[in-house]
Each structure stands twice: as C-alpha cells, then as structure tokens.
Amino acid sequence: MKIIERIVNLENNETTDVERTLSKSEVEQIEAKKAEMDAKAAEIESKKSEKAALLAQLGITEDQAKLLLS
C-alpha cells in the first residue's frame, strides 16, 4: 500500500509530500484499527436501534424520555 506522507517544516512553513510504501506491520495496524472502528460503529448503531425500538414500544419520543429522566 502506498501513501503520500506530508512533511511540514515548522521553521519556514514549507511542506513536502513524499510517496512511500507502508511496511507490512503498518498495514496490519491500519487494518486492525479499521476493524476496531467498524465494530464500535456497529455497536453504536445497534444501541440506537434498541433505543428507538424501546421508545416506540413505550409510545414516547426521545425528548419525552429525556424529560422523564431529568
């Protein structure tokens, strides 16, 4: 996998873009992080669906639930 790496010289604000190939371990780290983020996103969506289903079952809106819990 190739990436463009931007190097910024803070002394003179010059930027340089360098194309480089990621190492196998870097690719594995990226893939592991992506899998972790996908799992978190799926968990969040699942909780949203459960919450919406519960509110529908109770016949109240999210704003009404907030009022009850405040």
PDB file of N, CA and C in Angstrom:
ATOM      1  N   MET A   1       0.858  -1.167   0.000  1.00  0.00           N
ATOM      2  CA  MET A   1       0.000   0.000   0.000  1.00  0.00           C
ATOM      3  C   MET A   1       0.906   1.232   0.000  1.00  0.00           C
ATOM      4  N   LYS A   2       0.608   2.149  -0.904  1.00  0.00           N
ATOM      5  CA  LYS A   2       1.389   3.379  -0.974  1.00  0.00           C
ATOM      6  C   LYS A   2       0.587   4.525  -0.385  1.00  0.00           C
ATOM      7  N   ILE A   3       1.276   5.443   0.265  1.00  0.00           N
ATOM      8  CA  ILE A   3       0.642   6.621   0.843  1.00  0.00           C
ATOM      9  C   ILE A   3       1.461   7.850   0.476  1.00  0.00           C
ATOM     10  N   ILE A   4       0.826   8.987   0.614  1.00  0.00           N
ATOM     11  CA  ILE A   4       1.535  10.258   0.486  1.00  0.00           C
ATOM     12  C   ILE A   4       1.723  10.787   1.906  1.00  0.00           C
ATOM     13  N   GLU A   5       2.950  10.985   2.283  1.00  0.00           N
ATOM     14  CA  GLU A   5       3.269  11.490   3.615  1.00  0.00           C
ATOM     15  C   GLU A   5       3.650  12.963   3.483  1.00  0.00           C
ATOM     16  N   ARG A   6       3.001  13.821   4.242  1.00  0.00           N
ATOM     17  CA  ARG A   6       3.291  15.255   4.200  1.00  0.00           C
ATOM     18  C   ARG A   6       4.229  15.611   5.341  1.00  0.00           C
ATOM     19  N   ILE A   7       5.336  16.226   5.000  1.00  0.00           N
ATOM     20  CA  ILE A   7       6.319  16.667   5.981  1.00  0.00           C
ATOM     21  C   ILE A   7       6.258  18.188   6.031  1.00  0.00           C
ATOM     22  N   VAL A   8       6.081  18.732   7.236  1.00  0.00           N
ATOM     23  CA  VAL A   8       5.960  20.181   7.406  1.00  0.00           C
ATOM     24  C   VAL A   8       7.153  20.687   8.204  1.00  0.00           C
ATOM     25  N   ASN A   9       7.860  21.641   7.625  1.00  0.00           N
ATOM     26  CA  ASN A   9       8.956  22.292   8.315  1.00  0.00           C
ATOM     27  C   ASN A   9       8.364  23.487   9.050  1.00  0.00           C
ATOM     28  N   LEU A  10       8.309  23.420  10.368  1.00  0.00           N
ATOM     29  CA  LEU A  10       7.664  24.472  11.152  1.00  0.00           C
ATOM     30  C   LEU A  10       8.472  25.763  11.202  1.00  0.00           C
ATOM     31  N   GLU A  11       9.729  25.688  10.903  1.00  0.00           N
ATOM     32  CA  GLU A  11      10.552  26.899  10.921  1.00  0.00           C
ATOM     33  C   GLU A  11      10.233  27.826   9.761  1.00  0.00           C
ATOM     34  N   ASN A  12       9.947  27.242   8.584  1.00  0.00           N
ATOM     35  CA  ASN A  12       9.675  28.098   7.427  1.00  0.00           C
ATOM     36  C   ASN A  12       8.336  27.789   6.746  1.00  0.00           C
ATOM     37  N   ASN A  13       7.530  26.937   7.370  1.00  0.00           N
ATOM     38  CA  ASN A  13       6.210  26.554   6.866  1.00  0.00           C
ATOM     39  C   ASN A  13       6.243  25.886   5.491  1.00  0.00           C
ATOM     40  N   GLU A  14       7.344  25.297   5.113  1.00  0.00           N
ATOM     41  CA  GLU A  14       7.419  24.559   3.855  1.00  0.00           C
ATOM     42  C   GLU A  14       6.828  23.173   4.054  1.00  0.00           C
ATOM     43  N   THR A  15       6.072  22.731   3.070  1.00  0.00           N
ATOM     44  CA  THR A  15       5.551  21.368   3.111  1.00  0.00           C
ATOM     45  C   THR A  15       6.134  20.579   1.957  1.00  0.00           C
ATOM     46  N   THR A  16       6.394  19.314   2.223  1.00  0.00           N
ATOM     47  CA  THR A  16       6.919  18.412   1.209  1.00  0.00           C
ATOM     48  C   THR A  16       6.094  17.139   1.259  1.00  0.00           C
ATOM     49  N   ASP A  17       5.594  16.719   0.101  1.00  0.00           N
ATOM     50  CA  ASP A  17       4.857  15.462   0.017  1.00  0.00           C
ATOM     51  C   ASP A  17       5.776  14.378  -0.519  1.00  0.00           C
ATOM     52  N   VAL A  18       5.810  13.258   0.199  1.00  0.00           N
ATOM     53  CA  VAL A  18       6.677  12.149  -0.168  1.00  0.00           C
ATOM     54  C   VAL A  18       5.813  10.896  -0.291  1.00  0.00           C
ATOM     55  N   GLU A  19       5.919  10.216  -1.412  1.00  0.00           N
ATOM     56  CA  GLU A  19       5.201   8.960  -1.582  1.00  0.00           C
ATOM     57  C   GLU A  19       6.062   7.834  -1.026  1.00  0.00           C
ATOM     58  N   ARG A  20       5.439   6.961  -0.227  1.00  0.00           N
ATOM     59  CA  ARG A  20       6.191   5.836   0.311  1.00  0.00           C
ATOM     60  C   ARG A  20       5.273   4.634   0.457  1.00  0.00           C
ATOM     61  N   THR A  21       5.889   3.484   0.550  1.00  0.00           N
ATOM     62  CA  THR A  21       5.155   2.239   0.723  1.00  0.00           C
ATOM     63  C   THR A  21       5.134   1.877   2.198  1.00  0.00           C
ATOM     64  N   LEU A  22       3.949   1.540   2.686  1.00  0.00           N
ATOM     65  CA  LEU A  22       3.819   1.134   4.085  1.00  0.00           C
ATOM     66  C   LEU A  22       4.420  -0.254   4.285  1.00  0.00           C
ATOM     67  N   SER A  23       4.974  -0.448   5.467  1.00  0.00           N
ATOM     68  CA  SER A  23       5.505  -1.776   5.797  1.00  0.00           C
ATOM     69  C   SER A  23       4.334  -2.711   6.118  1.00  0.00           C
ATOM     70  N   LYS A  24       4.630  -3.991   6.140  1.00  0.00           N
ATOM     71  CA  LYS A  24       3.596  -4.985   6.442  1.00  0.00           C
ATOM     72  C   LYS A  24       2.979  -4.727   7.817  1.00  0.00           C
ATOM     73  N   SER A  25       3.799  -4.387   8.797  1.00  0.00           N
ATOM     74  CA  SER A  25       3.271  -4.156  10.154  1.00  0.00           C
ATOM     75  C   SER A  25       2.395  -2.897  10.193  1.00  0.00           C
ATOM     76  N   GLU A  26       2.751  -1.872   9.423  1.00  0.00           N
ATOM     77  CA  GLU A  26       1.923  -0.663   9.372  1.00  0.00           C
ATOM     78  C   GLU A  26       0.559  -0.968   8.757  1.00  0.00           C
ATOM     79  N   VAL A  27       0.551  -1.767   7.692  1.00  0.00           N
ATOM     80  CA  VAL A  27      -0.715  -2.159   7.052  1.00  0.00           C
ATOM     81  C   VAL A  27      -1.557  -2.970   8.033  1.00  0.00           C
ATOM     82  N   GLU A  28      -0.930  -3.889   8.763  1.00  0.00           N
ATOM     83  CA  GLU A  28      -1.655  -4.697   9.747  1.00  0.00           C
ATOM     84  C   GLU A  28      -2.249  -3.824  10.848  1.00  0.00           C
ATOM     85  N   GLN A  29      -1.496  -2.811  11.298  1.00  0.00           N
ATOM     86  CA  GLN A  29      -2.008  -1.903  12.327  1.00  0.00           C
ATOM     87  C   GLN A  29      -3.215  -1.125  11.809  1.00  0.00           C
ATOM     88  N   ILE A  30      -3.135  -0.660  10.575  1.00  0.00           N
ATOM     89  CA  ILE A  30      -4.245   0.091   9.982  1.00  0.00           C
ATOM     90  C   ILE A  30      -5.476  -0.801   9.863  1.00  0.00           C
ATOM     91  N   GLU A  31      -5.281  -2.031   9.389  1.00  0.00           N
ATOM     92  CA  GLU A  31      -6.406  -2.952   9.240  1.00  0.00           C
ATOM     93  C   GLU A  31      -7.021  -3.306  10.588  1.00  0.00           C
ATOM     94  N   ALA A  32      -6.203  -3.478  11.613  1.00  0.00           N
ATOM     95  CA  ALA A  32      -6.709  -3.789  12.954  1.00  0.00           C
ATOM     96  C   ALA A  32      -7.504  -2.610  13.505  1.00  0.00           C
ATOM     97  N   LYS A  33      -6.991  -1.397  13.309  1.00  0.00           N
ATOM     98  CA  LYS A  33      -7.699  -0.206  13.786  1.00  0.00           C
ATOM     99  C   LYS A  33      -9.028  -0.033  13.056  1.00  0.00           C
ATOM    100  N   LYS A  34      -9.043  -0.304  11.751  1.00  0.00           N
ATOM    101  CA  LYS A  34     -10.278  -0.199  10.971  1.00  0.00           C
ATOM    102  C   LYS A  34     -11.308  -1.206  11.476  1.00  0.00           C
ATOM    103  N   ALA A  35     -10.871  -2.444  11.743  1.00  0.00           N
ATOM    104  CA  ALA A  35     -11.781  -3.463  12.259  1.00  0.00           C
ATOM    105  C   ALA A  35     -12.352  -3.039  13.617  1.00  0.00           C
ATOM    106  N   GLU A  36     -11.499  -2.460  14.458  1.00  0.00           N
ATOM    107  CA  GLU A  36     -11.943  -1.978  15.770  1.00  0.00           C
ATOM    108  C   GLU A  36     -12.979  -0.861  15.615  1.00  0.00           C
ATOM    109  N   MET A  37     -12.718   0.068  14.713  1.00  0.00           N
ATOM    110  CA  MET A  37     -13.645   1.182  14.492  1.00  0.00           C
ATOM    111  C   MET A  37     -14.954   0.693  13.886  1.00  0.00           C
ATOM    112  N   ASP A  38     -14.895  -0.278  12.972  1.00  0.00           N
ATOM    113  CA  ASP A  38     -16.109  -0.845  12.391  1.00  0.00           C
ATOM    114  C   ASP A  38     -16.956  -1.531  13.460  1.00  0.00           C
ATOM    115  N   ALA A  39     -16.303  -2.243  14.382  1.00  0.00           N
ATOM    116  CA  ALA A  39     -17.024  -2.914  15.458  1.00  0.00           C
ATOM    117  C   ALA A  39     -17.701  -1.897  16.379  1.00  0.00           C
ATOM    118  N   LYS A  40     -16.999  -0.801  16.687  1.00  0.00           N
ATOM    119  CA  LYS A  40     -17.589   0.242  17.529  1.00  0.00           C
ATOM    120  C   LYS A  40     -18.780   0.889  16.831  1.00  0.00           C
ATOM    121  N   ALA A  41     -18.651   1.148  15.533  1.00  0.00           N
ATOM    122  CA  ALA A  41     -19.746   1.755  14.776  1.00  0.00           C
ATOM    123  C   ALA A  41     -20.967   0.830  14.756  1.00  0.00           C
ATOM    124  N   ALA A  42     -20.734  -0.462  14.587  1.00  0.00           N
ATOM    125  CA  ALA A  42     -21.833  -1.433  14.596  1.00  0.00           C
ATOM    126  C   ALA A  42     -22.510  -1.469  15.962  1.00  0.00           C
ATOM    127  N   GLU A  43     -21.712  -1.392  17.031  1.00  0.00           N
ATOM    128  CA  GLU A  43     -22.265  -1.387  18.393  1.00  0.00           C
ATOM    129  C   GLU A  43     -23.123  -0.145  18.625  1.00  0.00           C
ATOM    130  N   ILE A  44     -22.642   0.999  18.166  1.00  0.00           N
ATOM    131  CA  ILE A  44     -23.399   2.249  18.313  1.00  0.00           C
ATOM    132  C   ILE A  44     -24.721   2.166  17.557  1.00  0.00           C
ATOM    133  N   GLU A  45     -24.678   1.658  16.325  1.00  0.00           N
ATOM    134  CA  GLU A  45     -25.905   1.526  15.526  1.00  0.00           C
ATOM    135  C   GLU A  45     -26.881   0.561  16.181  1.00  0.00           C
ATOM    136  N   SER A  46     -26.367  -0.519  16.763  1.00  0.00           N
ATOM    137  CA  SER A  46     -27.216  -1.487  17.444  1.00  0.00           C
ATOM    138  C   SER A  46     -27.915  -0.845  18.637  1.00  0.00           C
ATOM    139  N   LYS A  47     -27.153  -0.068  19.418  1.00  0.00           N
ATOM    140  CA  LYS A  47     -27.740   0.604  20.581  1.00  0.00           C
ATOM    141  C   LYS A  47     -28.777   1.625  20.153  1.00  0.00           C
ATOM    142  N   LYS A  48     -28.522   2.334  19.048  1.00  0.00           N
ATOM    143  CA  LYS A  48     -29.502   3.298  18.531  1.00  0.00           C
ATOM    144  C   LYS A  48     -30.806   2.600  18.161  1.00  0.00           C
ATOM    145  N   SER A  49     -30.670   1.453  17.493  1.00  0.00           N
ATOM    146  CA  SER A  49     -31.854   0.696  17.086  1.00  0.00           C
ATOM    147  C   SER A  49     -32.633   0.190  18.294  1.00  0.00           C
ATOM    148  N   GLU A  50     -31.906  -0.317  19.295  1.00  0.00           N
ATOM    149  CA  GLU A  50     -32.562  -0.791  20.519  1.00  0.00           C
ATOM    150  C   GLU A  50     -33.293   0.347  21.222  1.00  0.00           C
ATOM    151  N   LYS A  51     -32.651   1.506  21.286  1.00  0.00           N
ATOM    152  CA  LYS A  51     -33.251   2.672  21.932  1.00  0.00           C
ATOM    153  C   LYS A  51     -34.510   3.100  21.192  1.00  0.00           C
ATOM    154  N   ALA A  52     -34.436   3.161  19.858  1.00  0.00           N
ATOM    155  CA  ALA A  52     -35.596   3.561  19.062  1.00  0.00           C
ATOM    156  C   ALA A  52     -36.738   2.568  19.242  1.00  0.00           C
ATOM    157  N   ALA A  53     -36.414   1.278  19.282  1.00  0.00           N
ATOM    158  CA  ALA A  53     -37.444   0.257  19.460  1.00  0.00           C
ATOM    159  C   ALA A  53     -38.104   0.388  20.830  1.00  0.00           C
ATOM    160  N   LEU A  54     -37.315   0.645  21.863  1.00  0.00           N
ATOM    161  CA  LEU A  54     -37.870   0.801  23.209  1.00  0.00           C
ATOM    162  C   LEU A  54     -38.769   2.035  23.294  1.00  0.00           C
ATOM    163  N   LEU A  55     -38.311   3.133  22.720  1.00  0.00           N
ATOM    164  CA  LEU A  55     -39.135   4.352  22.729  1.00  0.00           C
ATOM    165  C   LEU A  55     -40.444   4.123  21.976  1.00  0.00           C
ATOM    166  N   ALA A  56     -40.389   3.413  20.859  1.00  0.00           N
ATOM    167  CA  ALA A  56     -41.608   3.117  20.093  1.00  0.00           C
ATOM    168  C   ALA A  56     -42.535   2.221  20.907  1.00  0.00           C
ATOM    169  N   GLN A  57     -41.952   1.247  21.611  1.00  0.00           N
ATOM    170  CA  GLN A  57     -42.743   0.343  22.442  1.00  0.00           C
ATOM    171  C   GLN A  57     -43.436   1.113  23.568  1.00  0.00           C
ATOM    172  N   LEU A  58     -42.726   2.087  24.128  1.00  0.00           N
ATOM    173  CA  LEU A  58     -43.313   2.896  25.198  1.00  0.00           C
ATOM    174  C   LEU A  58     -44.260   3.964  24.657  1.00  0.00           C
ATOM    175  N   GLY A  59     -44.156   4.247  23.378  1.00  0.00           N
ATOM    176  CA  GLY A  59     -45.024   5.251  22.752  1.00  0.00           C
ATOM    177  C   GLY A  59     -44.632   6.672  23.130  1.00  0.00           C
ATOM    178  N   ILE A  60     -43.334   6.908  23.334  1.00  0.00           N
ATOM    179  CA  ILE A  60     -42.868   8.256  23.667  1.00  0.00           C
ATOM    180  C   ILE A  60     -41.723   8.653  22.740  1.00  0.00           C
ATOM    181  N   THR A  61     -41.490   9.944  22.662  1.00  0.00           N
ATOM    182  CA  THR A  61     -40.392  10.454  21.841  1.00  0.00           C
ATOM    183  C   THR A  61     -39.113  10.502  22.674  1.00  0.00           C
ATOM    184  N   GLU A  62     -38.017  10.739  22.006  1.00  0.00           N
ATOM    185  CA  GLU A  62     -36.735  10.857  22.704  1.00  0.00           C
ATOM    186  C   GLU A  62     -36.747  12.069  23.636  1.00  0.00           C
ATOM    187  N   ASP A  63     -37.361  13.153  23.194  1.00  0.00           N
ATOM    188  CA  ASP A  63     -37.450  14.366  24.044  1.00  0.00           C
ATOM    189  C   ASP A  63     -38.283  14.082  25.297  1.00  0.00           C
ATOM    190  N   GLN A  64     -39.349  13.320  25.152  1.00  0.00           N
ATOM    191  CA  GLN A  64     -40.168  12.978  26.309  1.00  0.00           C
ATOM    192  C   GLN A  64     -39.387  12.082  27.274  1.00  0.00           C
ATOM    193  N   ALA A  65     -38.610  11.171  26.758  1.00  0.00           N
ATOM    194  CA  ALA A  65     -37.785  10.303  27.607  1.00  0.00           C
ATOM    195  C   ALA A  65     -36.766  11.126  28.366  1.00  0.00           C
ATOM    196  N   LYS A  66     -36.160  12.115  27.692  1.00  0.00           N
ATOM    197  CA  LYS A  66     -35.211  12.990  28.363  1.00  0.00           C
ATOM    198  C   LYS A  66     -35.879  13.743  29.502  1.00  0.00           C
ATOM    199  N   LEU A  67     -37.097  14.219  29.287  1.00  0.00           N
ATOM    200  CA  LEU A  67     -37.834  14.925  30.338  1.00  0.00           C
ATOM    201  C   LEU A  67     -38.086  14.002  31.536  1.00  0.00           C
ATOM    202  N   LEU A  68     -38.459  12.770  31.263  1.00  0.00           N
ATOM    203  CA  LEU A  68     -38.727  11.828  32.344  1.00  0.00           C
ATOM    204  C   LEU A  68     -37.467  11.535  33.158  1.00  0.00           C
ATOM    205  N   LEU A  69     -36.324  11.506  32.499  1.00  0.00           N
ATOM    206  CA  LEU A  69     -35.084  11.144  33.173  1.00  0.00           C
ATOM    207  C   LEU A  69     -34.347  12.328  33.786  1.00  0.00           C
ATOM    208  N   SER A  70     -34.846  13.533  33.574  1.00  0.00           N
ATOM    209  CA  SER A  70     -34.152  14.695  34.124  1.00  0.00           C
ATOM    210  C   SER A  70     -34.640  15.058  35.504  1.00  0.00           C
TER     211      SER A  70
END
